[in-house]
Each structure stands twice: as C-alpha cells, then as structure tokens.
Protein backbone atom coordinates (compact mmCIF):
# COMPACT_ATOMS: atom_id res chain seq x y z
CA GLU A 1 17.49 -66.28 168.82
CA ASN A 2 14.70 -65.68 166.20
CA GLY A 3 16.15 -63.98 162.87
CA ILE A 4 13.25 -61.80 160.91
CA GLY A 5 14.39 -59.72 158.24
CA ASP A 6 17.75 -58.77 158.29
CA GLY A 7 17.76 -57.97 162.13
CA LYS A 8 17.88 -60.41 164.82
CA VAL A 9 15.59 -60.06 167.90
CA ASP A 10 17.52 -61.03 171.59
CA TRP A 11 14.20 -62.04 174.14
CA ALA A 12 17.32 -63.02 176.36
CA ASP A 13 18.10 -58.98 176.75
CA ILE A 14 14.55 -58.21 177.44
CA ASP A 15 14.38 -56.92 181.03
CA THR A 16 11.43 -54.72 181.24
CA ALA A 17 8.00 -54.05 179.40
CA GLN A 18 9.35 -50.89 177.58
CA ASP A 19 12.44 -52.86 176.62
CA LEU A 20 9.80 -55.18 174.80
CA LEU A 21 7.67 -52.91 173.67
CA GLU A 22 10.89 -51.72 171.40
CA LYS A 23 12.14 -54.42 170.17
CA VAL A 24 8.62 -55.60 169.23
CA GLU A 25 8.04 -52.36 167.38
CA VAL A 26 12.12 -53.20 165.61
CA TRP A 27 10.49 -56.17 164.39
CA ILE A 28 6.97 -55.27 162.86
CA SER A 29 9.09 -52.62 161.04
CA GLU A 30 11.28 -55.33 160.01
CA VAL A 31 8.24 -57.63 158.64
CA LYS A 32 6.94 -54.51 157.09
CA VAL A 33 9.92 -53.87 155.06
CA SER A 34 10.53 -57.15 154.00
CA LEU A 35 6.75 -57.75 152.75
CA GLU A 36 7.09 -54.02 150.87
CA THR A 37 10.51 -55.72 148.98
CA GLU A 38 8.23 -59.13 147.85
CA ILE A 39 5.20 -57.13 146.45
CA MET A 40 7.50 -54.62 144.63
CA GLU A 41 9.61 -57.56 142.75
CA GLU A 42 5.96 -59.19 142.39
CA GLU A 43 4.89 -56.66 140.70
CA ARG A 44 8.31 -55.31 138.52
CA GLN A 45 7.24 -59.20 137.44
CA VAL A 46 3.49 -58.61 136.76
CA GLU A 47 4.52 -55.92 134.76
CA GLY A 48 7.22 -57.63 132.35
CA TRP A 49 4.55 -59.99 131.76
CA CYS A 50 2.29 -57.73 130.78
CA GLU A 51 4.88 -56.15 128.32
CA GLN A 52 4.43 -59.61 125.74
CA ALA A 53 1.62 -60.09 123.50
CA TRP A 54 1.15 -62.73 121.36
CA ASP A 55 -0.77 -63.10 117.46
CA ASP A 56 -4.03 -64.86 118.41
CA VAL A 57 -4.35 -66.00 114.44
CA HIS A 58 -0.29 -66.75 113.70
CA GLY A 59 0.91 -66.83 117.58
CA LYS A 60 4.00 -65.02 117.04
CA GLU A 61 4.79 -61.70 119.31
CA LEU A 62 3.20 -58.33 119.11
CA ARG A 63 5.53 -55.23 119.95
CA MET A 64 3.07 -54.28 123.20
CA GLU A 65 2.80 -50.40 121.87
CA ASP A 66 1.01 -51.87 118.76
CA VAL A 67 -1.08 -53.54 120.88
CA ARG A 68 -2.26 -50.84 122.80
CA ALA A 69 -2.34 -48.70 120.12
CA GLY A 70 -4.84 -50.90 118.33
CA ARG A 71 -7.12 -52.04 121.46
CA ALA A 72 -6.95 -48.19 122.06
CA GLU A 73 -8.24 -47.46 118.28
CA GLU A 74 -11.13 -50.24 118.30
CA ILE A 75 -12.48 -48.29 121.73
CA SER A 76 -12.45 -44.99 120.42
CA TYR A 77 -14.64 -46.42 117.14
CA MET A 78 -16.92 -48.33 119.22
CA LYS A 79 -17.68 -45.39 121.52
CA SER A 80 -17.74 -43.29 118.51
CA ARG A 81 -20.48 -45.66 117.11
CA ASN A 82 -21.77 -45.57 120.77
CA ILE A 83 -21.84 -49.69 120.70
CA TRP A 84 -22.63 -49.56 124.12
CA LYS A 85 -23.84 -47.56 127.34
CA GLU A 86 -22.17 -47.53 130.58
CA VAL A 87 -24.82 -48.72 133.32
CA ASP A 88 -24.83 -50.05 136.92
CA LEU A 89 -23.73 -53.53 137.13
CA GLU A 90 -26.41 -54.23 139.18
CA GLU A 91 -28.88 -53.19 137.02
CA CYS A 92 -27.98 -56.47 135.18
CA TYR A 93 -28.20 -58.31 137.95
CA GLN A 94 -31.83 -57.45 138.27
CA VAL A 95 -32.64 -57.95 134.65
CA THR A 96 -31.01 -60.74 133.31
CA GLY A 97 -30.33 -62.61 137.06
CA ARG A 98 -26.44 -63.35 135.99
CA ALA A 99 -22.82 -61.51 134.95
CA PRO A 100 -22.71 -59.72 132.34
CA LEU A 101 -21.12 -61.67 129.29
CA SER A 102 -16.91 -61.51 129.57
CA VAL A 103 -14.96 -60.34 126.90
CA LYS A 104 -11.17 -60.96 125.21
CA TRP A 105 -9.46 -59.20 122.61
CA VAL A 106 -8.26 -60.78 119.44
CA ASP A 107 -4.83 -59.28 118.77
CA THR A 108 -3.87 -60.16 115.10
CA ASP A 109 -1.07 -58.71 112.82
CA LYS A 110 -2.00 -58.24 108.97
CA GLY A 111 0.74 -56.47 107.96
CA VAL A 112 4.12 -57.53 106.32
CA GLU A 113 6.86 -58.67 107.30
CA GLY A 114 9.03 -55.18 108.64
CA SER A 115 5.74 -53.22 108.40
CA PRO A 116 2.91 -54.60 110.99
CA LEU A 117 -0.08 -53.55 110.94
CA VAL A 118 -2.24 -55.00 113.81
CA ARG A 119 -5.44 -54.63 114.47
CA CYS A 120 -8.01 -55.90 117.73
CA ARG A 121 -10.99 -57.29 117.88
CA LEU A 122 -13.43 -56.82 121.07
CA VAL A 123 -15.46 -60.56 121.12
CA ALA A 124 -18.02 -60.89 123.55
CA ARG A 125 -17.56 -64.46 125.23
CA ASP A 126 -20.95 -65.45 124.67
CA PHE A 127 -21.25 -69.90 125.01
CA LYS A 128 -24.10 -71.98 124.61
CA GLY A 129 -25.47 -72.53 127.92
CA LYS A 130 -25.08 -76.75 129.63
CA ASP A 131 -29.00 -77.58 128.65
CA GLU A 132 -29.85 -75.38 125.90
CA LYS A 133 -30.78 -76.88 122.99
CA ASP A 134 -30.21 -76.11 119.22
CA ARG A 135 -31.82 -72.56 118.59
CA GLU A 136 -33.01 -71.87 115.01
CA ASP A 137 -32.79 -68.01 116.20
CA LEU A 138 -28.77 -68.63 115.67
CA PHE A 139 -28.75 -69.47 112.43
CA ALA A 140 -27.18 -67.74 109.67
CA ALA A 141 -27.18 -68.82 106.36
CA THR A 142 -24.36 -69.71 104.50
CA PRO A 143 -24.38 -69.74 100.01
CA PRO A 144 -23.29 -72.80 98.23
CA LEU A 145 -19.84 -72.27 96.74
CA GLU A 146 -21.27 -72.75 93.39
CA LEU A 147 -23.79 -69.73 93.43
CA LYS A 148 -20.66 -67.72 92.92
CA ARG A 149 -19.14 -68.89 90.26
CA VAL A 150 -23.30 -68.57 88.60
CA LEU A 151 -22.32 -65.21 89.33
CA MET A 152 -18.83 -65.16 86.73
CA SER A 153 -20.25 -67.48 84.18
CA LYS A 154 -23.38 -64.99 83.73
CA ALA A 155 -20.51 -62.20 83.83
CA VAL A 156 -19.35 -63.48 80.27
CA THR A 157 -21.90 -65.23 79.20
CA ARG A 158 -23.59 -63.27 75.59
CA ARG A 159 -26.87 -63.10 75.73
CA ARG A 160 -29.56 -62.30 72.70
CA GLY A 161 -32.30 -59.26 73.29
CA GLY A 162 -32.66 -57.85 76.45
CA ARG A 163 -29.91 -55.71 78.05
CA GLN A 164 -26.82 -55.40 75.67
CA GLY A 165 -24.56 -53.91 77.83
CA VAL A 166 -20.56 -54.80 79.15
CA ARG A 167 -21.90 -56.91 82.76
CA LYS A 168 -19.01 -57.06 85.58
CA LEU A 169 -17.92 -58.46 88.49
CA MET A 170 -18.05 -55.96 91.81
CA PHE A 171 -16.57 -56.96 95.35
CA ILE A 172 -17.14 -54.89 98.49
CA ASP A 173 -16.36 -55.79 101.65
CA ALA A 174 -18.81 -54.50 104.42
CA ARG A 175 -16.60 -53.62 107.63
CA LYS A 176 -17.23 -54.44 110.97
CA ALA A 177 -20.31 -56.18 109.86
CA HIS A 178 -21.55 -57.60 113.18
CA LEU A 179 -21.61 -54.36 114.39
CA ASN A 180 -24.30 -52.69 112.36
CA PRO A 181 -27.76 -54.39 113.39
CA GLU A 182 -28.94 -52.99 116.56
CA CYS A 183 -29.22 -54.98 119.72
CA LEU A 184 -32.86 -55.46 120.79
CA LYS A 185 -32.40 -57.49 123.67
CA ASP A 186 -31.37 -56.74 127.21
CA VAL A 187 -27.10 -58.23 126.48
CA TYR A 188 -24.46 -56.99 129.06
CA ILE A 189 -20.80 -57.27 128.57
CA GLU A 190 -18.07 -56.72 130.75
CA LEU A 191 -16.07 -53.39 129.72
CA PRO A 192 -12.57 -54.07 129.32
CA ALA A 193 -10.06 -52.07 130.86
CA GLU A 194 -8.85 -49.57 128.34
CA ALA A 195 -12.86 -48.43 127.58
CA GLY A 196 -12.05 -46.63 131.14
CA ALA A 197 -15.18 -47.63 132.77
CA GLU A 198 -15.51 -46.77 136.60
CA GLU A 199 -15.82 -49.52 138.93
CA GLY A 200 -19.34 -51.13 139.49
CA LYS A 201 -20.04 -50.23 136.16
CA CYS A 202 -20.87 -53.19 132.87
CA GLY A 203 -21.95 -52.00 129.13
CA LYS A 204 -25.41 -52.52 127.76
CA LEU A 205 -25.08 -52.99 124.17
CA ILE A 206 -27.06 -50.70 121.86
CA TYR A 207 -25.63 -52.84 119.11
CA TRP A 208 -24.43 -56.19 118.74
CA LEU A 209 -20.81 -57.21 119.62
CA TYR A 210 -18.81 -59.85 117.82
CA GLY A 211 -18.89 -62.83 119.70
CA CYS A 212 -22.58 -62.71 120.65
CA ARG A 213 -24.03 -65.37 118.74
CA GLU A 214 -27.30 -63.83 117.66
CA ALA A 215 -24.97 -61.20 115.85
CA ALA A 216 -24.70 -63.59 112.86
CA GLN A 217 -28.35 -63.49 112.16
CA ALA A 218 -29.06 -59.97 112.99
CA TRP A 219 -26.66 -59.19 110.51
CA GLU A 220 -28.15 -60.64 108.13
CA GLU A 221 -31.55 -59.86 108.27
CA HIS A 222 -30.26 -55.97 108.29
CA TYR A 223 -28.41 -56.02 105.33
CA SER A 224 -31.86 -57.87 103.60
CA GLU A 225 -33.94 -55.38 104.63
CA LYS A 226 -31.64 -52.83 103.11
CA MET A 227 -31.46 -54.56 99.78
CA GLU A 228 -34.95 -55.71 99.76
CA SER A 229 -35.96 -51.81 100.53
CA VAL A 230 -34.23 -50.57 96.90
CA GLY A 231 -35.86 -53.48 94.97
CA PHE A 232 -33.90 -56.41 94.78
CA SER A 233 -35.68 -59.95 95.62
CA ARG A 234 -34.27 -62.18 97.91
CA GLY A 235 -34.05 -66.25 97.38
CA LEU A 236 -36.19 -68.53 98.67
CA HIS A 237 -34.11 -71.20 99.05
CA SER A 238 -30.89 -69.12 99.86
CA PRO A 239 -31.95 -66.21 101.75
CA VAL A 240 -28.30 -64.65 101.09
CA VAL A 241 -28.61 -64.82 97.78
CA PHE A 242 -30.69 -61.89 95.95
CA TYR A 243 -31.63 -60.07 92.22
CA HIS A 244 -33.02 -56.91 90.73
CA GLU A 245 -35.67 -57.28 88.16
CA ALA A 246 -35.64 -54.53 86.67
CA LYS A 247 -31.70 -53.59 86.18
CA ASP A 248 -31.03 -57.38 85.64
CA LEU A 249 -28.83 -57.29 88.68
CA SER A 250 -27.20 -60.10 90.91
CA CYS A 251 -26.25 -60.81 94.59
CA VAL A 252 -25.00 -63.15 96.66
CA VAL A 253 -23.51 -62.73 100.44
CA HIS A 254 -21.11 -64.60 102.30
CA GLY A 255 -20.83 -62.62 105.58
CA ASP A 256 -19.34 -59.67 104.83
CA ASP A 257 -18.52 -60.15 101.59
CA PHE A 258 -20.81 -59.18 98.99
CA THR A 259 -20.21 -60.11 95.30
CA PHE A 260 -22.33 -58.45 92.50
CA GLU A 261 -22.86 -59.37 88.70
CA GLY A 262 -24.56 -56.40 86.65
CA GLU A 263 -23.75 -53.70 83.80
CA ALA A 264 -21.69 -50.76 85.00
CA GLU A 265 -24.02 -48.61 85.61
CA ASP A 266 -25.92 -50.35 87.95
CA LEU A 267 -22.92 -51.59 89.74
CA GLY A 268 -22.43 -47.68 90.39
CA TRP A 269 -25.56 -47.19 91.89
CA ILE A 270 -25.50 -50.04 94.07
CA ALA A 271 -21.89 -48.97 95.45
CA GLU A 272 -23.60 -45.79 96.38
CA LYS A 273 -26.77 -47.25 98.51
CA MET A 274 -23.72 -49.79 99.96
CA LYS A 275 -21.58 -46.60 100.91
CA GLU A 276 -24.74 -44.91 102.60
CA TRP A 277 -26.16 -48.07 104.66
CA PHE A 278 -22.31 -49.65 105.87
CA GLU A 279 -18.59 -49.05 105.87
CA VAL A 280 -16.98 -50.58 103.09
CA LYS A 281 -14.10 -51.67 101.47
CA MET A 282 -14.40 -52.01 97.51
CA ARG A 283 -12.50 -54.64 96.76
CA GLY A 284 -12.31 -54.90 92.63
CA ILE A 285 -14.57 -54.22 89.72
CA LEU A 286 -14.05 -57.09 87.33
CA GLY A 287 -14.79 -56.43 83.62
CA PRO A 288 -13.01 -55.95 79.90
CA GLU A 289 -12.48 -53.02 79.91
CA ASP A 290 -9.05 -51.00 80.09
CA GLY A 291 -9.93 -49.65 83.70
CA ASP A 292 -11.25 -52.57 85.14
CA ASP A 293 -9.88 -54.59 87.44
CA LYS A 294 -8.22 -58.21 86.08
CA GLU A 295 -7.50 -60.12 89.04
CA VAL A 296 -9.09 -60.01 92.34
CA THR A 297 -8.69 -63.01 95.79
CA ILE A 298 -12.45 -63.79 97.23
CA LEU A 299 -13.19 -66.36 99.89
CA GLY A 300 -9.64 -68.06 99.33
CA ARG A 301 -10.11 -68.48 95.30
CA VAL A 302 -8.15 -66.43 92.44
CA VAL A 303 -10.04 -65.17 90.14
CA GLU A 304 -8.57 -63.47 86.55
CA TRP A 305 -10.86 -61.71 84.02
CA LYS A 306 -9.12 -62.80 80.64
CA GLU A 307 -9.63 -62.00 77.03
CA TRP A 308 -11.55 -65.61 76.32
CA GLY A 309 -13.56 -65.64 79.52
CA ILE A 310 -13.08 -65.62 83.45
CA LYS A 311 -10.09 -68.61 85.10
CA TYR A 312 -10.95 -69.37 88.57
CA GLN A 313 -8.76 -71.38 90.69
CA ALA A 314 -7.70 -72.18 94.27
CA ASP A 315 -5.04 -70.33 95.78
CA PRO A 316 -2.22 -71.69 94.74
CA ARG A 317 -0.29 -71.49 98.15
CA HIS A 318 -2.61 -74.17 99.45
CA ARG A 319 -1.03 -76.20 96.52
CA LYS A 320 2.20 -74.66 97.84
CA LEU A 321 1.98 -75.74 101.12
CA ILE A 322 1.18 -79.75 100.70
CA MET A 323 3.89 -79.63 98.14
CA GLU A 324 6.55 -78.88 101.14
CA TYR A 325 5.16 -81.43 103.38
CA PHE A 326 5.81 -83.79 101.29
CA GLY A 327 9.13 -82.64 100.11
CA PHE A 328 7.83 -81.96 96.53
CA ASP A 329 8.61 -78.87 94.43
CA GLU A 330 8.02 -77.86 90.82
CA THR A 331 10.30 -80.63 89.40
CA THR A 332 9.33 -83.25 91.19
CA ARG A 333 7.45 -85.69 88.54
CA ALA A 334 4.37 -86.39 88.80
CA LEU A 335 3.28 -89.52 90.76
CA GLN A 336 1.59 -92.67 88.22
CA ASN A 337 -0.47 -95.52 89.88
CA ASN A 338 -0.36 -98.89 88.01
CA GLY A 339 -3.80 -99.76 88.80
CA GLY A 340 -2.42 -102.47 91.16
CA LYS A 341 -3.77 -101.77 95.21
CA GLU A 342 -1.20 -102.57 98.01
CA ASP A 343 -2.10 -105.09 100.96
CA GLU A 344 -3.36 -103.19 103.82
CA ASP A 345 -4.12 -105.70 106.26
CA GLY A 346 -2.09 -104.82 109.83
CA ASP A 347 -1.21 -101.52 107.75
CA GLU A 348 -3.50 -100.17 110.18
CA GLU A 349 -1.24 -96.96 113.16
CA GLU A 350 -3.09 -94.60 114.99
CA LEU A 351 -1.36 -91.58 114.80
CA GLN A 352 -0.07 -89.03 117.58
CA GLY A 353 0.64 -86.06 118.98
CA GLU A 354 2.12 -83.72 116.04
CA GLU A 355 2.67 -86.31 113.53
CA ALA A 356 -1.62 -86.85 113.69
CA LYS A 357 -1.91 -82.87 113.68
CA ASN A 358 0.17 -82.45 110.46
CA TYR A 359 -1.96 -84.93 109.04
CA ARG A 360 -4.97 -83.22 109.65
CA GLY A 361 -4.01 -79.84 108.90
CA VAL A 362 -2.91 -81.01 105.37
CA ALA A 363 -5.81 -83.55 104.51
CA ALA A 364 -8.39 -80.31 105.72
CA ARG A 365 -6.33 -78.18 102.53
CA LEU A 366 -7.13 -80.92 100.28
CA ASN A 367 -10.58 -80.98 101.32
CA TYR A 368 -10.94 -77.23 100.91
CA MET A 369 -8.77 -77.73 97.43
CA ALA A 370 -11.40 -80.75 96.23
CA GLN A 371 -14.21 -77.93 96.26
CA ASP A 372 -12.65 -76.16 93.41
CA SER A 373 -10.38 -79.28 91.94
CA PRO A 374 -12.33 -81.94 90.09
CA GLY A 375 -8.87 -83.66 90.08
CA ILE A 376 -9.17 -84.28 93.65
CA MET A 377 -12.69 -84.05 94.36
CA PHE A 378 -13.22 -87.96 94.73
C-alpha cells in the first residue's frame, strides 16, 4: 500500500486498465487537495507577516493601517508632483545597460505616545559601484557650526551707524527638499507596489529622489540659484552661506534648514520668497518683541532669546541620557580629581557585544555635546 494524502491506493485490487485509470484519478485528486491546503496555509502565514511593520528609526512596532496610510500619502504626493514618469523596463536597459535602482520604504513614527504620526519616505538605493572612485559631483557642503553662532551674535550686537532696526533670527525648513531640483540625467527606479504600475514598467525620474547620491548637491545648487536671483551673494569658503548687502540680511543653510538674521521687514520679504520657491515650515522667529518666539530647537541645540541676549546650549536630553547610563541624577555630588593618575598598565580590555555598543553610543553623545560644551571639549 502507498498512502498519499488521506486516501490509500491498493495496487493488488487492480484487475483491468479501467481500474488503474480510476485509482490514478483518485490519487491525483487527493494530491491536488493536499497541495492546495498547504498553499493556503502558507498564504495565511505570509499575510500575517505582512500585517507587521516596524519603525526604521526607533525600532518599535507600527500599526499596519498607519503605515498603509502614510505610504499612500507619500505616493499621492509624488504623483501630484510628477516626480517620475512610467516607462517600459526595456527603455531602462537600453539607455543605462543595467536594471533600475531598487527602492525601499523608511517608515517612522514622529508622533507622541498615544498619538502616532507615521511618516513614510520612499528612498532609492543608489550605492557606490565596486570600482568607483570618489566623485566631486556628489559633494554637498555643510556649514561650520560656528557660523550659526555668528548669526546669533550678530542678532544681539549693538551697532553704530547704518541700520538701527530691531534684528531677529528666523528659522525655516524646506519640506521634501531633495524632491525640488529637476533630474537632468537618465535615472530609472523600480516602482513600489503602492504606485500601482503595470508589470514591465519602471519609473524615470523627472525630479531627484531621496537616496540618489547626486540629489544633495543638486538641491544645494537649486536653492543657491534661487538665493542669488534675488540679490544674495554666495560664500566663497563655505558655499552654503549667503549675504544680501543691500538689506544686511545673512543666511546659513544646513541641509534643508535655513537660518536668517536681519530686520523684521527683510525677514518677512525672504520668507515670502521661500514660500514661492518651496514648501516650507516656519520653525520660529526669535526676537526681543512681545510677539516674537523666545525658544527654538535647531540641529539638536536649544536657542533661547533672553532680556540680556541669547542663550545657546546642547539639548539637555543628551546630558540626561549620559547621566542615567552611569547611574547619576541631579542630586549626585560632582566628581573630583585630586590630580593623580592611576596606573593603567595591564588595565586595557577590549569591550565586546552590548557593552562595546553602549560605550560607542555614550562616546558619540559626548563628542556631540563637546561642540557646545567647552568643559568637556578637551
């Protein structure tokens, strides 16, 4: 006897060819049912896996309905902006000689506990080629942190002669910055399932997409052209610093973060220009007048406008996390060093696993804070 599925075939009972045919048909039918059952079970398992989503930044679980909504919103925005056009996959291979860039979703919850705000970003996976050397056309400038502090100093410095108006600081973010400059090269991407593209189609970029290595420099050149078109001069040593001589208006740009320093009227003028050029978010206007903001967080630093000037400090959350790691709190007595140096011979031990990870995390926070804390800088 040969048992298959739930049935059995008794080959000893076969007398005629007709009997053989009937028993083979029964056997095939039972095998088919068994395979269909297994396939349905696998599909149910896959559906269960697909109902789970994870925060790519914080590592916590996200509700699938929030992720679906966030991705649908992102795709809707990109289609409304015509970020790409659908073309045949064959065109990509004919033009570039290779497959389109793969893409991935980066999902994260930017809300607070009990009130999730899931944001999803579609990112191209544009990796450096195996034999590719460094390319200057991929470089995007970052301003020295000191230039931000110069603007703050300038805003509260008393002047002799010249313009005597009240000076303030304005902070503006350009939303979805890398999607603004046109893509003037032949760049093709895979389209995610959420885009609803037909089989055999891919996307040819009309505007740059996050993850493309040339997108950062394209964005820098894009906003620089806008700034220069209205009278700003671009910095020579740092190309992301701008100055409008006629209006005595200064600007420092860090990625998509614009910080302006000047008089209220001129800040209002450039704010309107920014709205014409990009989708923007007004972070705040710091100043001495009653209607001005008095505190803003920028690049992980807290900036406060006081009666006597501007207070600038590293985000206190970093200090708190470091203290918690070492078991300290606000009541802990300050540590003191008597000037002696302990013998370190034979005391070196390479950290492993979780301990090494924690050490690197604390060291990175301290290095970050040291930029604004002379007490721990050296």
